[in-house]
Amino acid sequence: CDFNNGKGGIAHIAFEVEDVEKVRKEFEEKGMGM
């Protein structure tokens, strides 16, 4: 509700993957959090 001071806007880009959990584990192994 507070995104861009309540005005909204572009929030994210989304990529299609075969396995979201596999992607999560790959990023977490690199020290990047989901």
Full PDB file with SEQRES, HELIX, SHEET, SSBOND, CRYST1, ORIGX, SCALE, CONECT and MASTER records, all heavy atoms in Angstrom:
SEQRES   1 A   34  CYS ASP PHE ASN ASN GLY LYS GLY GLY ILE ALA HIS ILE          
SEQRES   2 A   34  ALA PHE GLU VAL GLU ASP VAL GLU LYS VAL ARG LYS GLU          
SEQRES   3 A   34  PHE GLU GLU LYS GLY MET GLY MET                              
HELIX    1 AA1 PHE A    3  GLY A    6  5                                   4    
HELIX    2 AA2 VAL A   20  GLU A   29  1                                  10    
CRYST1    1.000    1.000    1.000  90.00  90.00  90.00 P 1           1          
ORIGX1      1.000000  0.000000  0.000000        0.00000                         
ORIGX2      0.000000  1.000000  0.000000        0.00000                         
ORIGX3      0.000000  0.000000  1.000000        0.00000                         
SCALE1      1.000000  0.000000  0.000000        0.00000                         
SCALE2      0.000000  1.000000  0.000000        0.00000                         
SCALE3      0.000000  0.000000  1.000000        0.00000                         
ATOM      1  N   CYS A   1       0.829  -1.212   0.000  1.00  0.00           N  
ATOM      2  CA  CYS A   1       0.000   0.000   0.000  1.00  0.00           C  
ATOM      3  C   CYS A   1       0.862   1.261   0.000  1.00  0.00           C  
ATOM      4  O   CYS A   1       0.426   2.314  -0.471  1.00  0.00           O  
ATOM      5  CB  CYS A   1      -0.933   0.018   1.211  1.00  0.00           C  
ATOM      6  SG  CYS A   1      -2.259  -1.189   1.126  1.00  0.00           S  
ATOM      7  N   ASP A   2       2.079   1.157   0.518  1.00  0.00           N  
ATOM      8  CA  ASP A   2       2.979   2.307   0.601  1.00  0.00           C  
ATOM      9  C   ASP A   2       3.962   2.381  -0.566  1.00  0.00           C  
ATOM     10  O   ASP A   2       4.824   3.259  -0.590  1.00  0.00           O  
ATOM     11  CB  ASP A   2       3.774   2.243   1.912  1.00  0.00           C  
ATOM     12  CG  ASP A   2       2.869   2.330   3.122  1.00  0.00           C  
ATOM     13  OD1 ASP A   2       1.839   3.028   3.048  1.00  0.00           O  
ATOM     14  OD2 ASP A   2       3.181   1.679   4.133  1.00  0.00           O  
ATOM     15  N   PHE A   3       3.820   1.461  -1.536  1.00  0.00           N  
ATOM     16  CA  PHE A   3       4.763   1.423  -2.653  1.00  0.00           C  
ATOM     17  C   PHE A   3       4.778   2.763  -3.382  1.00  0.00           C  
ATOM     18  O   PHE A   3       3.727   3.290  -3.751  1.00  0.00           O  
ATOM     19  CB  PHE A   3       4.383   0.295  -3.620  1.00  0.00           C  
ATOM     20  CG  PHE A   3       5.370   0.096  -4.737  1.00  0.00           C  
ATOM     21  CD1 PHE A   3       6.520  -0.642  -4.528  1.00  0.00           C  
ATOM     22  CD2 PHE A   3       5.151   0.660  -5.979  1.00  0.00           C  
ATOM     23  CE1 PHE A   3       7.437  -0.818  -5.537  1.00  0.00           C  
ATOM     24  CE2 PHE A   3       6.061   0.481  -7.000  1.00  0.00           C  
ATOM     25  CZ  PHE A   3       7.217  -0.260  -6.779  1.00  0.00           C  
ATOM     26  N   ASN A   4       5.960   3.332  -3.546  1.00  0.00           N  
ATOM     27  CA  ASN A   4       6.128   4.633  -4.213  1.00  0.00           C  
ATOM     28  C   ASN A   4       5.238   5.697  -3.571  1.00  0.00           C  
ATOM     29  O   ASN A   4       4.522   6.421  -4.252  1.00  0.00           O  
ATOM     30  CB  ASN A   4       5.857   4.507  -5.716  1.00  0.00           C  
ATOM     31  CG  ASN A   4       6.336   5.699  -6.505  1.00  0.00           C  
ATOM     32  OD1 ASN A   4       7.192   6.450  -6.062  1.00  0.00           O  
ATOM     33  ND2 ASN A   4       5.762   5.879  -7.682  1.00  0.00           N  
ATOM     34  N   ASN A   5       5.287   5.746  -2.243  1.00  0.00           N  
ATOM     35  CA  ASN A   5       4.497   6.714  -1.465  1.00  0.00           C  
ATOM     36  C   ASN A   5       3.001   6.593  -1.728  1.00  0.00           C  
ATOM     37  O   ASN A   5       2.279   7.595  -1.727  1.00  0.00           O  
ATOM     38  CB  ASN A   5       4.976   8.141  -1.728  1.00  0.00           C  
ATOM     39  CG  ASN A   5       6.388   8.359  -1.246  1.00  0.00           C  
ATOM     40  OD1 ASN A   5       6.748   7.911  -0.160  1.00  0.00           O  
ATOM     41  ND2 ASN A   5       7.193   9.026  -2.044  1.00  0.00           N  
ATOM     42  N   GLY A   6       2.531   5.371  -1.969  1.00  0.00           N  
ATOM     43  CA  GLY A   6       1.106   5.124  -2.169  1.00  0.00           C  
ATOM     44  C   GLY A   6       0.608   5.381  -3.580  1.00  0.00           C  
ATOM     45  O   GLY A   6      -0.561   5.177  -3.868  1.00  0.00           O  
ATOM     46  N   LYS A   7       1.494   5.811  -4.482  1.00  0.00           N  
ATOM     47  CA  LYS A   7       1.081   6.117  -5.858  1.00  0.00           C  
ATOM     48  C   LYS A   7       1.182   4.913  -6.782  1.00  0.00           C  
ATOM     49  O   LYS A   7       0.624   4.916  -7.873  1.00  0.00           O  
ATOM     50  CB  LYS A   7       1.933   7.261  -6.423  1.00  0.00           C  
ATOM     51  CG  LYS A   7       1.726   8.578  -5.703  1.00  0.00           C  
ATOM     52  CD  LYS A   7       2.583   9.664  -6.304  1.00  0.00           C  
ATOM     53  CE  LYS A   7       3.973   9.518  -5.718  1.00  0.00           C  
ATOM     54  NZ  LYS A   7       4.868  10.620  -6.043  1.00  0.00           N  
ATOM     55  N   GLY A   8       1.913   3.887  -6.381  1.00  0.00           N  
ATOM     56  CA  GLY A   8       2.110   2.720  -7.224  1.00  0.00           C  
ATOM     57  C   GLY A   8       3.219   2.944  -8.233  1.00  0.00           C  
ATOM     58  O   GLY A   8       3.917   3.955  -8.216  1.00  0.00           O  
ATOM     59  N   GLY A   9       3.371   1.982  -9.135  1.00  0.00           N  
ATOM     60  CA  GLY A   9       4.398   2.040 -10.162  1.00  0.00           C  
ATOM     61  C   GLY A   9       4.870   0.646 -10.505  1.00  0.00           C  
ATOM     62  O   GLY A   9       4.308  -0.348 -10.049  1.00  0.00           O  
ATOM     63  N   ILE A  10       5.905   0.571 -11.328  1.00  0.00           N  
ATOM     64  CA  ILE A  10       6.444  -0.736 -11.704  1.00  0.00           C  
ATOM     65  C   ILE A  10       7.101  -1.351 -10.477  1.00  0.00           C  
ATOM     66  O   ILE A  10       7.993  -0.760  -9.877  1.00  0.00           O  
ATOM     67  CB  ILE A  10       7.429  -0.622 -12.870  1.00  0.00           C  
ATOM     68  CG1 ILE A  10       6.676  -0.133 -14.121  1.00  0.00           C  
ATOM     69  CG2 ILE A  10       8.111  -1.972 -13.138  1.00  0.00           C  
ATOM     70  CD1 ILE A  10       7.557   0.139 -15.308  1.00  0.00           C  
ATOM     71  N   ALA A  11       6.646  -2.541 -10.120  1.00  0.00           N  
ATOM     72  CA  ALA A  11       7.086  -3.180  -8.884  1.00  0.00           C  
ATOM     73  C   ALA A  11       8.147  -4.244  -9.112  1.00  0.00           C  
ATOM     74  O   ALA A  11       9.080  -4.374  -8.317  1.00  0.00           O  
ATOM     75  CB  ALA A  11       5.889  -3.807  -8.172  1.00  0.00           C  
ATOM     76  N   HIS A  12       7.994  -5.033 -10.165  1.00  0.00           N  
ATOM     77  CA  HIS A  12       8.925  -6.141 -10.377  1.00  0.00           C  
ATOM     78  C   HIS A  12       8.864  -6.637 -11.814  1.00  0.00           C  
ATOM     79  O   HIS A  12       7.927  -6.328 -12.544  1.00  0.00           O  
ATOM     80  CB  HIS A  12       8.619  -7.301  -9.424  1.00  0.00           C  
ATOM     81  CG  HIS A  12       7.295  -7.957  -9.667  1.00  0.00           C  
ATOM     82  ND1 HIS A  12       6.134  -7.571  -9.022  1.00  0.00           N  
ATOM     83  CD2 HIS A  12       6.927  -8.968 -10.489  1.00  0.00           C  
ATOM     84  CE1 HIS A  12       5.129  -8.328  -9.434  1.00  0.00           C  
ATOM     85  NE2 HIS A  12       5.579  -9.184 -10.329  1.00  0.00           N  
ATOM     86  N   ILE A  13       9.892  -7.424 -12.167  1.00  0.00           N  
ATOM     87  CA  ILE A  13       9.833  -8.207 -13.392  1.00  0.00           C  
ATOM     88  C   ILE A  13       9.814  -9.662 -12.960  1.00  0.00           C  
ATOM     89  O   ILE A  13      10.364 -10.016 -11.909  1.00  0.00           O  
ATOM     90  CB  ILE A  13      11.007  -7.919 -14.347  1.00  0.00           C  
ATOM     91  CG1 ILE A  13      12.347  -8.216 -13.692  1.00  0.00           C  
ATOM     92  CG2 ILE A  13      10.955  -6.479 -14.837  1.00  0.00           C  
ATOM     93  CD1 ILE A  13      13.507  -8.177 -14.667  1.00  0.00           C  
ATOM     94  N   ALA A  14       9.149 -10.491 -13.745  1.00  0.00           N  
ATOM     95  CA  ALA A  14       8.999 -11.896 -13.382  1.00  0.00           C  
ATOM     96  C   ALA A  14       9.525 -12.791 -14.497  1.00  0.00           C  
ATOM     97  O   ALA A  14       9.244 -12.556 -15.675  1.00  0.00           O  
ATOM     98  CB  ALA A  14       7.532 -12.211 -13.116  1.00  0.00           C  
ATOM     99  N   PHE A  15      10.281 -13.794 -14.088  1.00  0.00           N  
ATOM    100  CA  PHE A  15      10.800 -14.783 -15.017  1.00  0.00           C  
ATOM    101  C   PHE A  15      10.133 -16.128 -14.762  1.00  0.00           C  
ATOM    102  O   PHE A  15       9.915 -16.518 -13.610  1.00  0.00           O  
ATOM    103  CB  PHE A  15      12.307 -14.943 -14.858  1.00  0.00           C  
ATOM    104  CG  PHE A  15      13.086 -13.745 -15.296  1.00  0.00           C  
ATOM    105  CD1 PHE A  15      13.687 -12.916 -14.368  1.00  0.00           C  
ATOM    106  CD2 PHE A  15      13.224 -13.443 -16.647  1.00  0.00           C  
ATOM    107  CE1 PHE A  15      14.417 -11.803 -14.767  1.00  0.00           C  
ATOM    108  CE2 PHE A  15      13.949 -12.335 -17.056  1.00  0.00           C  
ATOM    109  CZ  PHE A  15      14.549 -11.518 -16.120  1.00  0.00           C  
ATOM    110  N   GLU A  16       9.832 -16.827 -15.844  1.00  0.00           N  
ATOM    111  CA  GLU A  16       9.264 -18.171 -15.745  1.00  0.00           C  
ATOM    112  C   GLU A  16      10.403 -19.167 -15.581  1.00  0.00           C  
ATOM    113  O   GLU A  16      11.400 -19.115 -16.307  1.00  0.00           O  
ATOM    114  CB  GLU A  16       8.480 -18.499 -17.008  1.00  0.00           C  
ATOM    115  CG  GLU A  16       7.757 -19.820 -16.933  1.00  0.00           C  
ATOM    116  CD  GLU A  16       6.828 -20.037 -18.108  1.00  0.00           C  
ATOM    117  OE1 GLU A  16       6.528 -19.090 -18.843  1.00  0.00           O  
ATOM    118  OE2 GLU A  16       6.400 -21.191 -18.280  1.00  0.00           O  
ATOM    119  N   VAL A  17      10.259 -20.057 -14.603  1.00  0.00           N  
ATOM    120  CA  VAL A  17      11.249 -21.099 -14.346  1.00  0.00           C  
ATOM    121  C   VAL A  17      10.547 -22.440 -14.202  1.00  0.00           C  
ATOM    122  O   VAL A  17       9.346 -22.498 -13.941  1.00  0.00           O  
ATOM    123  CB  VAL A  17      12.091 -20.796 -13.084  1.00  0.00           C  
ATOM    124  CG1 VAL A  17      12.887 -19.510 -13.253  1.00  0.00           C  
ATOM    125  CG2 VAL A  17      11.231 -20.721 -11.836  1.00  0.00           C  
ATOM    126  N   GLU A  18      11.303 -23.511 -14.350  1.00  0.00           N  
ATOM    127  CA  GLU A  18      10.717 -24.846 -14.202  1.00  0.00           C  
ATOM    128  C   GLU A  18      10.524 -25.227 -12.744  1.00  0.00           C  
ATOM    129  O   GLU A  18       9.627 -25.992 -12.423  1.00  0.00           O  
ATOM    130  CB  GLU A  18      11.596 -25.883 -14.900  1.00  0.00           C  
ATOM    131  CG  GLU A  18      11.523 -25.795 -16.410  1.00  0.00           C  
ATOM    132  CD  GLU A  18      12.294 -26.905 -17.084  1.00  0.00           C  
ATOM    133  OE1 GLU A  18      12.509 -27.971 -16.467  1.00  0.00           O  
ATOM    134  OE2 GLU A  18      12.680 -26.699 -18.249  1.00  0.00           O  
ATOM    135  N   ASP A  19      11.391 -24.706 -11.852  1.00  0.00           N  
ATOM    136  CA  ASP A  19      11.365 -25.136 -10.453  1.00  0.00           C  
ATOM    137  C   ASP A  19      11.764 -23.966  -9.553  1.00  0.00           C  
ATOM    138  O   ASP A  19      12.952 -23.662  -9.411  1.00  0.00           O  
ATOM    139  CB  ASP A  19      12.324 -26.313 -10.281  1.00  0.00           C  
ATOM    140  CG  ASP A  19      12.279 -26.941  -8.903  1.00  0.00           C  
ATOM    141  OD1 ASP A  19      11.840 -26.266  -7.928  1.00  0.00           O  
ATOM    142  OD2 ASP A  19      12.695 -28.102  -8.772  1.00  0.00           O  
ATOM    143  N   VAL A  20      10.774 -23.321  -8.955  1.00  0.00           N  
ATOM    144  CA  VAL A  20      11.026 -22.156  -8.099  1.00  0.00           C  
ATOM    145  C   VAL A  20      11.897 -22.529  -6.901  1.00  0.00           C  
ATOM    146  O   VAL A  20      12.787 -21.769  -6.513  1.00  0.00           O  
ATOM    147  CB  VAL A  20       9.694 -21.517  -7.620  1.00  0.00           C  
ATOM    148  CG1 VAL A  20       9.937 -20.469  -6.556  1.00  0.00           C  
ATOM    149  CG2 VAL A  20       8.954 -20.902  -8.783  1.00  0.00           C  
ATOM    150  N   GLU A  21      11.670 -23.686  -6.319  1.00  0.00           N  
ATOM    151  CA  GLU A  21      12.460 -24.095  -5.153  1.00  0.00           C  
ATOM    152  C   GLU A  21      13.924 -24.303  -5.523  1.00  0.00           C  
ATOM    153  O   GLU A  21      14.818 -23.959  -4.762  1.00  0.00           O  
ATOM    154  CB  GLU A  21      11.872 -25.355  -4.511  1.00  0.00           C  
ATOM    155  CG  GLU A  21      10.624 -25.073  -3.704  1.00  0.00           C  
ATOM    156  CD  GLU A  21      10.876 -24.072  -2.580  1.00  0.00           C  
ATOM    157  OE1 GLU A  21      11.735 -24.333  -1.710  1.00  0.00           O  
ATOM    158  OE2 GLU A  21      10.223 -23.011  -2.577  1.00  0.00           O  
ATOM    159  N   LYS A  22      14.192 -24.848  -6.681  1.00  0.00           N  
ATOM    160  CA  LYS A  22      15.574 -25.024  -7.150  1.00  0.00           C  
ATOM    161  C   LYS A  22      16.244 -23.660  -7.307  1.00  0.00           C  
ATOM    162  O   LYS A  22      17.393 -23.473  -6.892  1.00  0.00           O  
ATOM    163  CB  LYS A  22      15.585 -25.784  -8.468  1.00  0.00           C  
ATOM    164  CG  LYS A  22      16.955 -26.005  -9.032  1.00  0.00           C  
ATOM    165  CD  LYS A  22      16.893 -26.771 -10.342  1.00  0.00           C  
ATOM    166  CE  LYS A  22      18.255 -26.850 -10.983  1.00  0.00           C  
ATOM    167  NZ  LYS A  22      18.216 -27.432 -12.326  1.00  0.00           N  
ATOM    168  N   VAL A  23      15.540 -22.704  -7.878  1.00  0.00           N  
ATOM    169  CA  VAL A  23      16.079 -21.353  -8.046  1.00  0.00           C  
ATOM    170  C   VAL A  23      16.356 -20.727  -6.675  1.00  0.00           C  
ATOM    171  O   VAL A  23      17.408 -20.120  -6.463  1.00  0.00           O  
ATOM    172  CB  VAL A  23      15.121 -20.477  -8.882  1.00  0.00           C  
ATOM    173  CG1 VAL A  23      15.542 -19.023  -8.864  1.00  0.00           C  
ATOM    174  CG2 VAL A  23      15.044 -20.999 -10.314  1.00  0.00           C  
ATOM    175  N   ARG A  24      15.408 -20.890  -5.743  1.00  0.00           N  
ATOM    176  CA  ARG A  24      15.612 -20.353  -4.380  1.00  0.00           C  
ATOM    177  C   ARG A  24      16.887 -20.908  -3.773  1.00  0.00           C  
ATOM    178  O   ARG A  24      17.722 -20.166  -3.232  1.00  0.00           O  
ATOM    179  CB  ARG A  24      14.419 -20.687  -3.483  1.00  0.00           C  
ATOM    180  CG  ARG A  24      14.584 -20.165  -2.043  1.00  0.00           C  
ATOM    181  CD  ARG A  24      13.483 -20.653  -1.115  1.00  0.00           C  
ATOM    182  NE  ARG A  24      13.414 -22.101  -1.006  1.00  0.00           N  
ATOM    183  CZ  ARG A  24      14.248 -22.851  -0.271  1.00  0.00           C  
ATOM    184  NH1 ARG A  24      15.217 -22.288   0.426  1.00  0.00           N  
ATOM    185  NH2 ARG A  24      14.106 -24.161  -0.229  1.00  0.00           N  
ATOM    186  N   LYS A  25      17.077 -22.229  -3.867  1.00  0.00           N  
ATOM    187  CA  LYS A  25      18.257 -22.864  -3.283  1.00  0.00           C  
ATOM    188  C   LYS A  25      19.537 -22.351  -3.946  1.00  0.00           C  
ATOM    189  O   LYS A  25      20.542 -22.118  -3.263  1.00  0.00           O  
ATOM    190  CB  LYS A  25      18.148 -24.385  -3.405  1.00  0.00           C  
ATOM    191  CG  LYS A  25      17.103 -24.969  -2.484  1.00  0.00           C  
ATOM    192  CD  LYS A  25      16.923 -26.451  -2.706  1.00  0.00           C  
ATOM    193  CE  LYS A  25      15.746 -26.976  -1.894  1.00  0.00           C  
ATOM    194  NZ  LYS A  25      15.412 -28.355  -2.222  1.00  0.00           N  
ATOM    195  N   GLU A  26      19.512 -22.184  -5.269  1.00  0.00           N  
ATOM    196  CA  GLU A  26      20.695 -21.686  -5.975  1.00  0.00           C  
ATOM    197  C   GLU A  26      21.085 -20.290  -5.485  1.00  0.00           C  
ATOM    198  O   GLU A  26      22.263 -20.020  -5.251  1.00  0.00           O  
ATOM    199  CB  GLU A  26      20.451 -21.661  -7.483  1.00  0.00           C  
ATOM    200  CG  GLU A  26      20.423 -23.040  -8.109  1.00  0.00           C  
ATOM    201  CD  GLU A  26      20.085 -23.024  -9.595  1.00  0.00           C  
ATOM    202  OE1 GLU A  26      19.979 -21.928 -10.201  1.00  0.00           O  
ATOM    203  OE2 GLU A  26      19.919 -24.114 -10.161  1.00  0.00           O  
ATOM    204  N   PHE A  27      20.102 -19.412  -5.328  1.00  0.00           N  
ATOM    205  CA  PHE A  27      20.413 -18.062  -4.856  1.00  0.00           C  
ATOM    206  C   PHE A  27      20.856 -18.073  -3.393  1.00  0.00           C  
ATOM    207  O   PHE A  27      21.781 -17.357  -3.017  1.00  0.00           O  
ATOM    208  CB  PHE A  27      19.230 -17.115  -5.071  1.00  0.00           C  
ATOM    209  CG  PHE A  27      19.154 -16.579  -6.466  1.00  0.00           C  
ATOM    210  CD1 PHE A  27      18.164 -17.014  -7.334  1.00  0.00           C  
ATOM    211  CD2 PHE A  27      20.077 -15.658  -6.929  1.00  0.00           C  
ATOM    212  CE1 PHE A  27      18.098 -16.536  -8.637  1.00  0.00           C  
ATOM    213  CE2 PHE A  27      20.025 -15.170  -8.222  1.00  0.00           C  
ATOM    214  CZ  PHE A  27      19.032 -15.610  -9.080  1.00  0.00           C  
ATOM    215  N   GLU A  28      20.215 -18.867  -2.571  1.00  0.00           N  
ATOM    216  CA  GLU A  28      20.595 -18.921  -1.162  1.00  0.00           C  
ATOM    217  C   GLU A  28      22.002 -19.489  -0.989  1.00  0.00           C  
ATOM    218  O   GLU A  28      22.737 -19.052  -0.113  1.00  0.00           O  
ATOM    219  CB  GLU A  28      19.566 -19.713  -0.362  1.00  0.00           C  
ATOM    220  CG  GLU A  28      18.275 -18.927  -0.180  1.00  0.00           C  
ATOM    221  CD  GLU A  28      17.198 -19.669   0.578  1.00  0.00           C  
ATOM    222  OE1 GLU A  28      17.338 -20.896   0.816  1.00  0.00           O  
ATOM    223  OE2 GLU A  28      16.187 -19.020   0.919  1.00  0.00           O  
ATOM    224  N   GLU A  29      22.395 -20.450  -1.848  1.00  0.00           N  
ATOM    225  CA  GLU A  29      23.757 -20.984  -1.796  1.00  0.00           C  
ATOM    226  C   GLU A  29      24.786 -19.906  -2.135  1.00  0.00           C  
ATOM    227  O   GLU A  29      25.941 -19.993  -1.722  1.00  0.00           O  
ATOM    228  CB  GLU A  29      23.901 -22.169  -2.751  1.00  0.00           C  
ATOM    229  CG  GLU A  29      23.217 -23.423  -2.244  1.00  0.00           C  
ATOM    230  CD  GLU A  29      23.163 -24.546  -3.281  1.00  0.00           C  
ATOM    231  OE1 GLU A  29      23.687 -24.372  -4.401  1.00  0.00           O  
ATOM    232  OE2 GLU A  29      22.575 -25.591  -2.956  1.00  0.00           O  
ATOM    233  N   LYS A  30      24.384 -18.889  -2.862  1.00  0.00           N  
ATOM    234  CA  LYS A  30      25.263 -17.769  -3.214  1.00  0.00           C  
ATOM    235  C   LYS A  30      25.170 -16.640  -2.189  1.00  0.00           C  
ATOM    236  O   LYS A  30      25.733 -15.558  -2.395  1.00  0.00           O  
ATOM    237  CB  LYS A  30      24.891 -17.223  -4.594  1.00  0.00           C  
ATOM    238  CG  LYS A  30      25.102 -18.212  -5.715  1.00  0.00           C  
ATOM    239  CD  LYS A  30      24.593 -17.642  -7.026  1.00  0.00           C  
ATOM    240  CE  LYS A  30      24.713 -18.664  -8.134  1.00  0.00           C  
ATOM    241  NZ  LYS A  30      24.130 -18.157  -9.401  1.00  0.00           N  
ATOM    242  N   GLY A  31      24.419 -16.877  -1.094  1.00  0.00           N  
ATOM    243  CA  GLY A  31      24.287 -15.880  -0.042  1.00  0.00           C  
ATOM    244  C   GLY A  31      23.237 -14.810  -0.318  1.00  0.00           C  
ATOM    245  O   GLY A  31      23.227 -13.771   0.338  1.00  0.00           O  
ATOM    246  N   MET A  32      22.360 -15.065  -1.283  1.00  0.00           N  
ATOM    247  CA  MET A  32      21.310 -14.100  -1.632  1.00  0.00           C  
ATOM    248  C   MET A  32      19.966 -14.621  -1.130  1.00  0.00           C  
ATOM    249  O   MET A  32      19.603 -15.758  -1.393  1.00  0.00           O  
ATOM    250  CB  MET A  32      21.263 -13.890  -3.149  1.00  0.00           C  
ATOM    251  CG  MET A  32      22.505 -13.213  -3.672  1.00  0.00           C  
ATOM    252  SD  MET A  32      22.398 -12.911  -5.431  1.00  0.00           S  
ATOM    253  CE  MET A  32      23.514 -14.159  -6.018  1.00  0.00           C  
ATOM    254  N   GLY A  33      19.234 -13.773  -0.423  1.00  0.00           N  
ATOM    255  CA  GLY A  33      17.988 -14.186   0.196  1.00  0.00           C  
ATOM    256  C   GLY A  33      16.762 -13.947  -0.670  1.00  0.00           C  
ATOM    257  O   GLY A  33      16.707 -13.007  -1.462  1.00  0.00           O  
ATOM    258  N   MET A  34      15.795 -14.823  -0.473  1.00  0.00           N  
ATOM    259  CA  MET A  34      14.507 -14.704  -1.142  1.00  0.00           C  
ATOM    260  C   MET A  34      13.507 -14.081  -0.167  1.00  0.00           C  
ATOM    261  O   MET A  34      13.695 -14.100   1.046  1.00  0.00           O  
ATOM    262  CB  MET A  34      14.023 -16.076  -1.597  1.00  0.00           C  
ATOM    263  CG  MET A  34      14.991 -16.791  -2.541  1.00  0.00           C  
ATOM    264  SD  MET A  34      15.205 -15.989  -4.134  1.00  0.00           S  
ATOM    265  CE  MET A  34      13.806 -16.641  -5.004  1.00  0.00           C  
TER     266      MET A  34                                                      
MASTER        0    0    0    2    0    0    0    6  265    1    0    3          
END                                                                             
